[in-house]
Amino acid sequence: MTQEVFHGHTWQDDPGLTERMGEALSVLRQIHEKLLLLAAAEKLPLGVGERQALVELQMQLAPQSAWTESRLKAFPLVEISRKVSDFLTGLRRHFER
């Protein structure tokens, strides 16, 4: 994050970055948690629609262009978190007997 989002600047060198870096790290941590959950779901015998929904969510969480501070601030974390939660809840059938 230091290299990509803050171009090598750190809160240790510039204490004014502490809050901004903390906010960015919080968003990135939540994004990575969602990506880990989706990676686990990839191992399930998903149907075509489920697989497509999984890929779409992964693409939203890991876009092609690099993360920037402004992109992280604008990222719709609550909305995407809800979508991931709904998707994972919909996979419940894979665990019921």
Protein backbone atom coordinates (compact mmCIF):
# COMPACT_ATOMS: atom_id res chain seq x y z
CA MET A 1 0.00 0.00 0.00
CA THR A 2 2.82 2.39 0.83
CA GLN A 3 4.38 2.00 -2.60
CA GLU A 4 1.25 1.81 -4.75
CA VAL A 5 -1.23 4.11 -3.05
CA PHE A 6 1.11 6.59 -1.34
CA HIS A 7 4.02 6.47 -3.80
CA GLY A 8 6.59 5.40 -1.20
CA HIS A 9 5.59 7.96 1.43
CA THR A 10 4.95 6.64 4.93
CA TRP A 11 3.35 7.91 8.11
CA GLN A 12 6.77 7.53 9.75
CA ASP A 13 8.27 10.07 7.37
CA ASP A 14 5.15 12.25 7.26
CA PRO A 15 2.97 11.93 10.38
CA GLY A 16 0.27 13.86 8.54
CA LEU A 17 -0.37 10.72 6.49
CA THR A 18 -1.25 8.58 9.52
CA GLU A 19 -5.02 9.01 9.36
CA ARG A 20 -5.18 8.84 5.56
CA MET A 21 -3.06 5.69 5.45
CA GLY A 22 -5.15 4.11 8.21
CA GLU A 23 -8.36 4.77 6.29
CA ALA A 24 -6.90 3.37 3.06
CA LEU A 25 -5.57 0.31 4.86
CA SER A 26 -8.95 -0.32 6.45
CA VAL A 27 -10.67 -0.36 3.06
CA LEU A 28 -7.97 -2.54 1.48
CA ARG A 29 -8.12 -5.00 4.38
CA GLN A 30 -11.87 -5.39 3.93
CA ILE A 31 -11.48 -5.80 0.18
CA HIS A 32 -8.87 -8.52 0.67
CA GLU A 33 -11.09 -10.30 3.22
CA LYS A 34 -13.90 -10.41 0.67
CA LEU A 35 -11.51 -11.68 -2.01
CA LEU A 36 -10.39 -14.49 0.31
CA LEU A 37 -13.98 -15.52 0.93
CA LEU A 38 -14.67 -15.55 -2.80
CA ALA A 39 -11.50 -17.57 -3.44
CA ALA A 40 -12.82 -20.19 -1.02
CA ALA A 41 -16.18 -20.19 -2.81
CA GLU A 42 -14.37 -20.86 -6.10
CA LYS A 43 -13.64 -24.37 -4.86
CA LEU A 44 -17.34 -25.24 -4.65
CA PRO A 45 -19.18 -26.94 -7.52
CA LEU A 46 -20.80 -23.71 -8.66
CA GLY A 47 -23.40 -23.46 -11.37
CA VAL A 48 -22.79 -21.28 -14.42
CA GLY A 49 -24.74 -18.33 -12.98
CA GLU A 50 -22.99 -18.63 -9.63
CA ARG A 51 -19.59 -18.78 -11.30
CA GLN A 52 -20.42 -15.68 -13.37
CA ALA A 53 -21.59 -13.79 -10.26
CA LEU A 54 -18.39 -14.81 -8.47
CA VAL A 55 -16.19 -13.51 -11.28
CA GLU A 56 -18.12 -10.23 -11.43
CA LEU A 57 -17.65 -9.69 -7.69
CA GLN A 58 -13.96 -10.51 -7.92
CA MET A 59 -13.56 -7.99 -10.74
CA GLN A 60 -15.26 -5.29 -8.67
CA LEU A 61 -12.95 -6.03 -5.75
CA ALA A 62 -9.77 -6.30 -7.83
CA PRO A 63 -10.07 -3.85 -10.73
CA GLN A 64 -7.53 -3.74 -13.54
CA SER A 65 -6.25 -0.28 -12.67
CA ALA A 66 -4.17 0.30 -9.56
CA TRP A 67 -5.69 1.46 -6.32
CA THR A 68 -5.26 5.10 -5.46
CA GLU A 69 -6.23 6.94 -2.33
CA SER A 70 -9.15 8.61 -4.09
CA ARG A 71 -10.37 5.33 -5.59
CA LEU A 72 -10.27 3.69 -2.16
CA LYS A 73 -12.21 6.61 -0.63
CA ALA A 74 -14.84 6.39 -3.36
CA PHE A 75 -15.06 2.58 -3.33
CA PRO A 76 -18.64 1.50 -2.49
CA LEU A 77 -17.55 -0.85 0.29
CA VAL A 78 -20.94 -1.17 1.97
CA GLU A 79 -22.68 -1.99 -1.31
CA ILE A 80 -20.06 -4.52 -2.45
CA SER A 81 -19.94 -6.08 1.04
CA ARG A 82 -23.70 -6.61 0.86
CA LYS A 83 -23.39 -8.18 -2.60
CA VAL A 84 -20.66 -10.55 -1.42
CA SER A 85 -22.69 -11.47 1.66
CA ASP A 86 -25.81 -12.11 -0.42
CA PHE A 87 -23.81 -14.20 -2.88
CA LEU A 88 -22.22 -16.31 -0.15
CA THR A 89 -25.56 -16.77 1.59
CA GLY A 90 -26.94 -18.03 -1.71
CA LEU A 91 -24.31 -20.79 -1.70
CA ARG A 92 -25.81 -22.29 1.46
CA ARG A 93 -27.26 -25.15 -0.58
CA HIS A 94 -23.74 -26.48 -1.09
CA PHE A 95 -23.51 -27.17 2.65
CA GLU A 96 -27.02 -28.40 3.50
CA ARG A 97 -27.86 -32.06 3.65
